[in-house]
């Protein structure tokens, strides 16, 4: 949720800072940093479950399962509560927070430059 708010703040800052040169690009870069940190953290947390599914599919292939059986296994509906996730690395939310703080600062600068 913080990432969505942070990206929104950075987009508003970029709109206000359009034409202000480097500050505009800093707002865009801050939004991208927030998005990338959020996606990377979620991906890293999901790696063990993806590996487990991949290993099971390879084992099925080794045991002679057909392609349809493997696809049916991968596409099966299952309970997300049974998934095992690693904790999100500490650096991902920290980088997102830094991006949000930068976005707020750039938003304030944009308001001052545009309306002040």
C-alpha atoms as a PDB file:
ATOM      1  CA  UNK A   1       0.000   0.000   0.000  1.00  0.00           C
ATOM      2  CA  UNK A   2       2.833   2.360   0.848  1.00  0.00           C
ATOM      3  CA  UNK A   3       4.355   1.675  -2.559  1.00  0.00           C
ATOM      4  CA  UNK A   4       1.164   2.708  -4.365  1.00  0.00           C
ATOM      5  CA  UNK A   5       0.923   5.891  -2.323  1.00  0.00           C
ATOM      6  CA  UNK A   6       4.614   6.587  -2.880  1.00  0.00           C
ATOM      7  CA  UNK A   7       4.331   6.124  -6.632  1.00  0.00           C
ATOM      8  CA  UNK A   8       1.291   8.423  -6.635  1.00  0.00           C
ATOM      9  CA  UNK A   9       3.219  11.070  -4.722  1.00  0.00           C
ATOM     10  CA  UNK A  10       6.131  10.797  -7.151  1.00  0.00           C
ATOM     11  CA  UNK A  11       3.814  11.059 -10.159  1.00  0.00           C
ATOM     12  CA  UNK A  12       2.186  14.178  -8.689  1.00  0.00           C
ATOM     13  CA  UNK A  13       5.638  15.601  -8.029  1.00  0.00           C
ATOM     14  CA  UNK A  14       6.675  14.843 -11.616  1.00  0.00           C
ATOM     15  CA  UNK A  15       3.562  16.596 -12.941  1.00  0.00           C
ATOM     16  CA  UNK A  16       4.284  19.671 -10.832  1.00  0.00           C
ATOM     17  CA  UNK A  17       7.975  19.609 -11.709  1.00  0.00           C
ATOM     18  CA  UNK A  18       7.479  19.170 -15.463  1.00  0.00           C
ATOM     19  CA  UNK A  19       9.899  21.558 -17.121  1.00  0.00           C
ATOM     20  CA  UNK A  20      12.048  21.916 -14.003  1.00  0.00           C
ATOM     21  CA  UNK A  21      14.852  19.781 -15.417  1.00  0.00           C
ATOM     22  CA  UNK A  22      16.636  17.468 -13.027  1.00  0.00           C
ATOM     23  CA  UNK A  23      13.920  17.576 -10.348  1.00  0.00           C
ATOM     24  CA  UNK A  24      11.387  16.181 -12.818  1.00  0.00           C
ATOM     25  CA  UNK A  25      13.683  13.256 -13.611  1.00  0.00           C
ATOM     26  CA  UNK A  26      14.406  12.669  -9.916  1.00  0.00           C
ATOM     27  CA  UNK A  27      10.659  12.295  -9.323  1.00  0.00           C
ATOM     28  CA  UNK A  28      10.401   9.775 -12.179  1.00  0.00           C
ATOM     29  CA  UNK A  29      13.435   7.851 -10.900  1.00  0.00           C
ATOM     30  CA  UNK A  30      12.004   7.820  -7.362  1.00  0.00           C
ATOM     31  CA  UNK A  31       8.759   6.300  -8.655  1.00  0.00           C
ATOM     32  CA  UNK A  32      10.694   3.631 -10.552  1.00  0.00           C
ATOM     33  CA  UNK A  33      12.848   2.837  -7.504  1.00  0.00           C
ATOM     34  CA  UNK A  34       9.734   2.350  -5.371  1.00  0.00           C
ATOM     35  CA  UNK A  35       8.196   0.018  -7.965  1.00  0.00           C
ATOM     36  CA  UNK A  36      11.362  -2.013  -8.509  1.00  0.00           C
ATOM     37  CA  UNK A  37      11.995  -2.437  -4.771  1.00  0.00           C
ATOM     38  CA  UNK A  38       8.416  -3.611  -4.249  1.00  0.00           C
ATOM     39  CA  UNK A  39       8.535  -6.103  -7.099  1.00  0.00           C
ATOM     40  CA  UNK A  40      11.982  -7.392  -6.113  1.00  0.00           C
ATOM     41  CA  UNK A  41      10.951  -7.936  -2.499  1.00  0.00           C
ATOM     42  CA  UNK A  42       7.838  -9.885  -3.483  1.00  0.00           C
ATOM     43  CA  UNK A  43       9.780 -11.947  -6.027  1.00  0.00           C
ATOM     44  CA  UNK A  44      12.497 -12.846  -3.523  1.00  0.00           C
ATOM     45  CA  UNK A  45       9.861 -13.882  -0.983  1.00  0.00           C
ATOM     46  CA  UNK A  46       8.162 -16.188  -3.515  1.00  0.00           C
ATOM     47  CA  UNK A  47      11.320 -17.925  -4.791  1.00  0.00           C
ATOM     48  CA  UNK A  48      11.088 -20.998  -2.460  1.00  0.00           C
ATOM     49  CA  UNK A  49       7.528 -21.801  -3.554  1.00  0.00           C
ATOM     50  CA  UNK A  50       8.429 -21.355  -7.232  1.00  0.00           C
ATOM     51  CA  UNK A  51      11.421 -23.675  -6.816  1.00  0.00           C
ATOM     52  CA  UNK A  52       9.289 -26.293  -5.095  1.00  0.00           C
ATOM     53  CA  UNK A  53       6.772 -26.288  -7.960  1.00  0.00           C
ATOM     54  CA  UNK A  54       9.566 -26.364 -10.540  1.00  0.00           C
ATOM     55  CA  UNK A  55      11.290 -29.282  -8.782  1.00  0.00           C
ATOM     56  CA  UNK A  56       8.027 -31.242  -8.599  1.00  0.00           C
ATOM     57  CA  UNK A  57       7.378 -30.634 -12.329  1.00  0.00           C
ATOM     58  CA  UNK A  58      10.898 -31.843 -13.180  1.00  0.00           C
ATOM     59  CA  UNK A  59      10.404 -34.918 -10.994  1.00  0.00           C
ATOM     60  CA  UNK A  60       7.126 -35.664 -12.784  1.00  0.00           C
ATOM     61  CA  UNK A  61       8.884 -35.291 -16.144  1.00  0.00           C
ATOM     62  CA  UNK A  62      11.674 -37.633 -14.990  1.00  0.00           C
ATOM     63  CA  UNK A  63       9.097 -40.200 -13.868  1.00  0.00           C
ATOM     64  CA  UNK A  64       7.515 -40.141 -17.334  1.00  0.00           C
ATOM     65  CA  UNK A  65       4.484 -37.913 -16.860  1.00  0.00           C
ATOM     66  CA  UNK A  66       2.971 -36.473 -20.015  1.00  0.00           C
ATOM     67  CA  UNK A  67       3.115 -32.785 -20.837  1.00  0.00           C
ATOM     68  CA  UNK A  68      -0.612 -32.453 -20.145  1.00  0.00           C
ATOM     69  CA  UNK A  69      -0.189 -33.928 -16.651  1.00  0.00           C
ATOM     70  CA  UNK A  70       2.649 -31.539 -15.866  1.00  0.00           C
ATOM     71  CA  UNK A  71       0.655 -28.549 -17.125  1.00  0.00           C
ATOM     72  CA  UNK A  72      -2.363 -29.721 -15.097  1.00  0.00           C
ATOM     73  CA  UNK A  73      -0.133 -29.904 -12.006  1.00  0.00           C
ATOM     74  CA  UNK A  74       1.263 -26.411 -12.561  1.00  0.00           C
ATOM     75  CA  UNK A  75      -2.180 -24.914 -13.296  1.00  0.00           C
ATOM     76  CA  UNK A  76      -3.930 -26.671 -10.418  1.00  0.00           C
ATOM     77  CA  UNK A  77      -5.996 -24.544  -8.062  1.00  0.00           C
ATOM     78  CA  UNK A  78      -4.585 -24.841  -4.583  1.00  0.00           C
ATOM     79  CA  UNK A  79      -4.747 -23.110  -1.250  1.00  0.00           C
ATOM     80  CA  UNK A  80      -2.499 -20.030  -1.071  1.00  0.00           C
ATOM     81  CA  UNK A  81      -2.417 -20.468   2.712  1.00  0.00           C
ATOM     82  CA  UNK A  82      -0.290 -23.588   2.183  1.00  0.00           C
ATOM     83  CA  UNK A  83       2.477 -21.667   0.410  1.00  0.00           C
ATOM     84  CA  UNK A  84       5.811 -21.207   2.114  1.00  0.00           C
ATOM     85  CA  UNK A  85       7.273 -17.750   1.632  1.00  0.00           C
ATOM     86  CA  UNK A  86      10.570 -16.367   2.815  1.00  0.00           C
ATOM     87  CA  UNK A  87      10.300 -13.091   4.668  1.00  0.00           C
ATOM     88  CA  UNK A  88      10.653 -10.016   2.479  1.00  0.00           C
ATOM     89  CA  UNK A  89      14.247  -8.766   2.711  1.00  0.00           C
ATOM     90  CA  UNK A  90      14.699  -5.742   4.967  1.00  0.00           C
ATOM     91  CA  UNK A  91      16.332  -3.700   2.223  1.00  0.00           C
ATOM     92  CA  UNK A  92      13.252  -3.706  -0.048  1.00  0.00           C
ATOM     93  CA  UNK A  93      10.901  -1.746   2.247  1.00  0.00           C
ATOM     94  CA  UNK A  94      13.818   0.461   3.315  1.00  0.00           C
ATOM     95  CA  UNK A  95      14.522   1.444  -0.285  1.00  0.00           C
ATOM     96  CA  UNK A  96      10.803   2.011  -0.871  1.00  0.00           C
ATOM     97  CA  UNK A  97      10.650   4.241   2.198  1.00  0.00           C
ATOM     98  CA  UNK A  98      13.627   6.265   0.967  1.00  0.00           C
ATOM     99  CA  UNK A  99      11.863   6.656  -2.389  1.00  0.00           C
ATOM    100  CA  UNK A 100       8.651   7.799  -0.686  1.00  0.00           C
ATOM    101  CA  UNK A 101      10.546  10.332   1.431  1.00  0.00           C
ATOM    102  CA  UNK A 102      12.284  11.623  -1.695  1.00  0.00           C
ATOM    103  CA  UNK A 103       8.909  11.804  -3.440  1.00  0.00           C
ATOM    104  CA  UNK A 104       7.401  13.846  -0.611  1.00  0.00           C
ATOM    105  CA  UNK A 105      10.360  16.222  -0.715  1.00  0.00           C
ATOM    106  CA  UNK A 106      10.036  16.562  -4.471  1.00  0.00           C
ATOM    107  CA  UNK A 107       6.284  17.114  -4.145  1.00  0.00           C
ATOM    108  CA  UNK A 108       6.897  19.952  -1.688  1.00  0.00           C
ATOM    109  CA  UNK A 109       9.521  21.387  -4.040  1.00  0.00           C
ATOM    110  CA  UNK A 110       7.065  21.108  -6.928  1.00  0.00           C
ATOM    111  CA  UNK A 111       4.360  22.955  -5.013  1.00  0.00           C
ATOM    112  CA  UNK A 112       6.826  25.697  -4.066  1.00  0.00           C
ATOM    113  CA  UNK A 113       8.182  26.019  -7.611  1.00  0.00           C
ATOM    114  CA  UNK A 114       4.778  25.869  -9.324  1.00  0.00           C
ATOM    115  CA  UNK A 115       2.677  27.946  -6.921  1.00  0.00           C
ATOM    116  CA  UNK A 116       5.189  29.803  -4.763  1.00  0.00           C
END
